[in-house]
C-alpha atoms as a PDB file:
ATOM      1  CA  UNK A   1      94.401 -82.143-109.905  1.00  0.00           C
ATOM      2  CA  UNK A   2      91.854 -85.351-110.880  1.00  0.00           C
ATOM      3  CA  UNK A   3      88.551 -84.393-111.554  1.00  0.00           C
ATOM      4  CA  UNK A   4      86.721 -87.880-110.029  1.00  0.00           C
ATOM      5  CA  UNK A   5      88.087 -87.137-106.407  1.00  0.00           C
ATOM      6  CA  UNK A   6      85.802 -84.717-103.771  1.00  0.00           C
ATOM      7  CA  UNK A   7      88.067 -81.532-103.328  1.00  0.00           C
ATOM      8  CA  UNK A   8      87.780 -79.300-100.241  1.00  0.00           C
ATOM      9  CA  UNK A   9      88.991 -76.188-100.430  1.00  0.00           C
ATOM     10  CA  UNK A  10      91.245 -74.823 -97.430  1.00  0.00           C
ATOM     11  CA  UNK A  11      92.713 -71.511 -96.432  1.00  0.00           C
ATOM     12  CA  UNK A  12      96.744 -71.505 -95.251  1.00  0.00           C
ATOM     13  CA  UNK A  13      99.002 -69.243 -94.319  1.00  0.00           C
ATOM     14  CA  UNK A  14     102.622 -69.848 -95.319  1.00  0.00           C
ATOM     15  CA  UNK A  15     105.740 -67.846 -94.845  1.00  0.00           C
ATOM     16  CA  UNK A  16     106.414 -65.659 -97.517  1.00  0.00           C
ATOM     17  CA  UNK A  17     109.877 -67.212 -98.154  1.00  0.00           C
ATOM     18  CA  UNK A  18     107.856 -70.410 -98.476  1.00  0.00           C
ATOM     19  CA  UNK A  19     104.823 -69.210-100.889  1.00  0.00           C
ATOM     20  CA  UNK A  20     107.708 -67.521-102.960  1.00  0.00           C
ATOM     21  CA  UNK A  21     109.409 -71.183-103.075  1.00  0.00           C
ATOM     22  CA  UNK A  22     106.057 -72.899-104.121  1.00  0.00           C
ATOM     23  CA  UNK A  23     105.546 -70.281-106.666  1.00  0.00           C
ATOM     24  CA  UNK A  24     108.959 -70.151-108.613  1.00  0.00           C
ATOM     25  CA  UNK A  25     108.510 -74.384-108.444  1.00  0.00           C
ATOM     26  CA  UNK A  26     104.849 -74.049-109.952  1.00  0.00           C
ATOM     27  CA  UNK A  27     105.905 -71.614-112.406  1.00  0.00           C
ATOM     28  CA  UNK A  28     108.981 -73.863-113.207  1.00  0.00           C
ATOM     29  CA  UNK A  29     106.673 -77.035-113.700  1.00  0.00           C
ATOM     30  CA  UNK A  30     104.188 -74.781-115.693  1.00  0.00           C
ATOM     31  CA  UNK A  31     101.539 -75.667-112.817  1.00  0.00           C
ATOM     32  CA  UNK A  32      98.957 -74.334-111.263  1.00  0.00           C
ATOM     33  CA  UNK A  33      99.817 -73.228-107.698  1.00  0.00           C
ATOM     34  CA  UNK A  34      97.277 -74.752-106.144  1.00  0.00           C
ATOM     35  CA  UNK A  35      98.058 -77.827-107.770  1.00  0.00           C
ATOM     36  CA  UNK A  36     101.456 -78.100-107.332  1.00  0.00           C
ATOM     37  CA  UNK A  37     100.777 -77.844-103.267  1.00  0.00           C
ATOM     38  CA  UNK A  38      98.279 -80.567-103.609  1.00  0.00           C
ATOM     39  CA  UNK A  39     100.978 -82.438-104.653  1.00  0.00           C
ATOM     40  CA  UNK A  40     103.278 -81.781-102.109  1.00  0.00           C
ATOM     41  CA  UNK A  41     101.020 -81.866 -99.022  1.00  0.00           C
ATOM     42  CA  UNK A  42     100.361 -85.482-100.506  1.00  0.00           C
ATOM     43  CA  UNK A  43     103.676 -86.633-100.950  1.00  0.00           C
ATOM     44  CA  UNK A  44     104.485 -84.824 -97.396  1.00  0.00           C
ATOM     45  CA  UNK A  45     101.702 -86.796 -95.962  1.00  0.00           C
ATOM     46  CA  UNK A  46     103.053 -89.999 -97.466  1.00  0.00           C
ATOM     47  CA  UNK A  47     106.823 -89.260 -96.605  1.00  0.00           C
ATOM     48  CA  UNK A  48     105.833 -88.849 -92.962  1.00  0.00           C
ATOM     49  CA  UNK A  49     103.295 -92.200 -92.869  1.00  0.00           C
ATOM     50  CA  UNK A  50     106.316 -94.410 -94.148  1.00  0.00           C
ATOM     51  CA  UNK A  51     109.025 -92.714 -91.822  1.00  0.00           C
ATOM     52  CA  UNK A  52     106.221 -92.968 -88.826  1.00  0.00           C
ATOM     53  CA  UNK A  53     105.773 -96.530 -89.959  1.00  0.00           C
ATOM     54  CA  UNK A  54     109.403 -97.194 -90.588  1.00  0.00           C
ATOM     55  CA  UNK A  55     110.249 -96.094 -86.804  1.00  0.00           C
ATOM     56  CA  UNK A  56     107.547 -98.685 -85.357  1.00  0.00           C
ATOM     57  CA  UNK A  57     108.754-101.451 -87.001  1.00  0.00           C
ATOM     58  CA  UNK A  58     112.416-100.925 -85.632  1.00  0.00           C
ATOM     59  CA  UNK A  59     110.976 -99.963 -82.201  1.00  0.00           C
ATOM     60  CA  UNK A  60     109.172-103.318 -82.449  1.00  0.00           C
ATOM     61  CA  UNK A  61     111.967-105.543 -83.556  1.00  0.00           C
ATOM     62  CA  UNK A  62     114.125-103.714 -80.751  1.00  0.00           C
ATOM     63  CA  UNK A  63     111.246-104.247 -78.236  1.00  0.00           C
ATOM     64  CA  UNK A  64     111.008-108.172 -79.127  1.00  0.00           C
ATOM     65  CA  UNK A  65     115.140-108.307 -79.102  1.00  0.00           C
ATOM     66  CA  UNK A  66     114.768-106.884 -75.555  1.00  0.00           C
ATOM     67  CA  UNK A  67     112.090-109.241 -74.086  1.00  0.00           C
ATOM     68  CA  UNK A  68     114.052-112.067 -75.614  1.00  0.00           C
ATOM     69  CA  UNK A  69     117.328-111.209 -73.828  1.00  0.00           C
ATOM     70  CA  UNK A  70     115.365-110.602 -70.747  1.00  0.00           C
ATOM     71  CA  UNK A  71     116.123-106.612 -70.802  1.00  0.00           C
ATOM     72  CA  UNK A  72     112.835-105.017 -71.369  1.00  0.00           C
ATOM     73  CA  UNK A  73     112.168-103.768 -68.436  1.00  0.00           C
ATOM     74  CA  UNK A  74     116.091-102.611 -67.756  1.00  0.00           C
ATOM     75  CA  UNK A  75     116.192 -98.827 -66.443  1.00  0.00           C
ATOM     76  CA  UNK A  76     118.071 -96.371 -68.444  1.00  0.00           C
ATOM     77  CA  UNK A  77     120.968 -96.074 -66.317  1.00  0.00           C
ATOM     78  CA  UNK A  78     121.715 -99.828 -66.409  1.00  0.00           C
ATOM     79  CA  UNK A  79     121.234 -99.569 -70.462  1.00  0.00           C
ATOM     80  CA  UNK A  80     123.827 -96.958 -70.092  1.00  0.00           C
ATOM     81  CA  UNK A  81     126.291 -99.036 -67.937  1.00  0.00           C
ATOM     82  CA  UNK A  82     126.022-102.138 -70.405  1.00  0.00           C
ATOM     83  CA  UNK A  83     126.838 -99.760 -73.269  1.00  0.00           C
ATOM     84  CA  UNK A  84     129.580 -98.424 -71.684  1.00  0.00           C
ATOM     85  CA  UNK A  85     131.133-101.720 -70.429  1.00  0.00           C
ATOM     86  CA  UNK A  86     130.727-102.838 -74.106  1.00  0.00           C
ATOM     87  CA  UNK A  87     132.287 -99.302 -75.136  1.00  0.00           C
ATOM     88  CA  UNK A  88     135.469-100.605 -73.108  1.00  0.00           C
ATOM     89  CA  UNK A  89     135.363-104.045 -74.273  1.00  0.00           C
ATOM     90  CA  UNK A  90     135.469-103.016 -77.930  1.00  0.00           C
ATOM     91  CA  UNK A  91     138.160-100.112 -77.495  1.00  0.00           C
ATOM     92  CA  UNK A  92     140.035-103.051 -75.692  1.00  0.00           C
ATOM     93  CA  UNK A  93     140.233-105.224 -78.846  1.00  0.00           C
ATOM     94  CA  UNK A  94     141.018-102.795 -81.340  1.00  0.00           C
ATOM     95  CA  UNK A  95     143.617-100.969 -79.156  1.00  0.00           C
ATOM     96  CA  UNK A  96     145.573-103.290 -76.427  1.00  0.00           C
ATOM     97  CA  UNK A  97     147.824-102.103 -74.075  1.00  0.00           C
END
């Protein structure tokens, strides 16, 4: 952990199995448990933010497309009906009778 950063001490309750995994990982990496947990929390927050940002990006593009197609206010039933028709069209194209 960097000495230039301000730190706050926190108490966390972990299931025993998770704690034991963290201890083994810290020992295997020759790190202090507290340092490893700090890194894991930071990485988890970064991954969470990245995933959330990705979903927001995809959602924005999807809403934009629906808006361009005039389907933004489409009900769930209408969406399912359209998907059913598309499935039938694809199936008919792939497996003509």
